[in-house]
Amino acid sequence: MGKSLAQAYPVALEVFQKADEWLGFRSVSLLGKGPEDELNATINTQPALLVHSIAAAARAPGALSHDTRLHMSPGIHGTS
C-alpha cells in the first residue's frame, strides 16, 4: 500500500523517508511486506497509518509547502 504510493509520487517518498528517520524503521517496507503480526502491533500500526495518510495528502499540489516539510516535528508520534 505505501510502496506504490512512494514509487508514484516523489513527495510521498520524501514523507516516508523522513518518517523512517524519526521512527527508526522502514515504514514503507513494513506497510508493503509485513510481517503482518508486526504491522498489526499498535506500536507500529498507528505511526504507519499516520505516515501513509500524510504521504497520501502530500500528493495534492501545495499540500505541504517546503517550509512545512522541513519543520514537521518528530515529537508527534508515540502518543495515543
Foldseek 3Di string as FASTA:
>chain_A
DLVVLVVVDVQLVVLQVVLCVLLVHRLSCCVVPNPPVRCPPPLNVVSSVVSSVVSVQSVPVPSADPVNSVPDDSVPPDDD
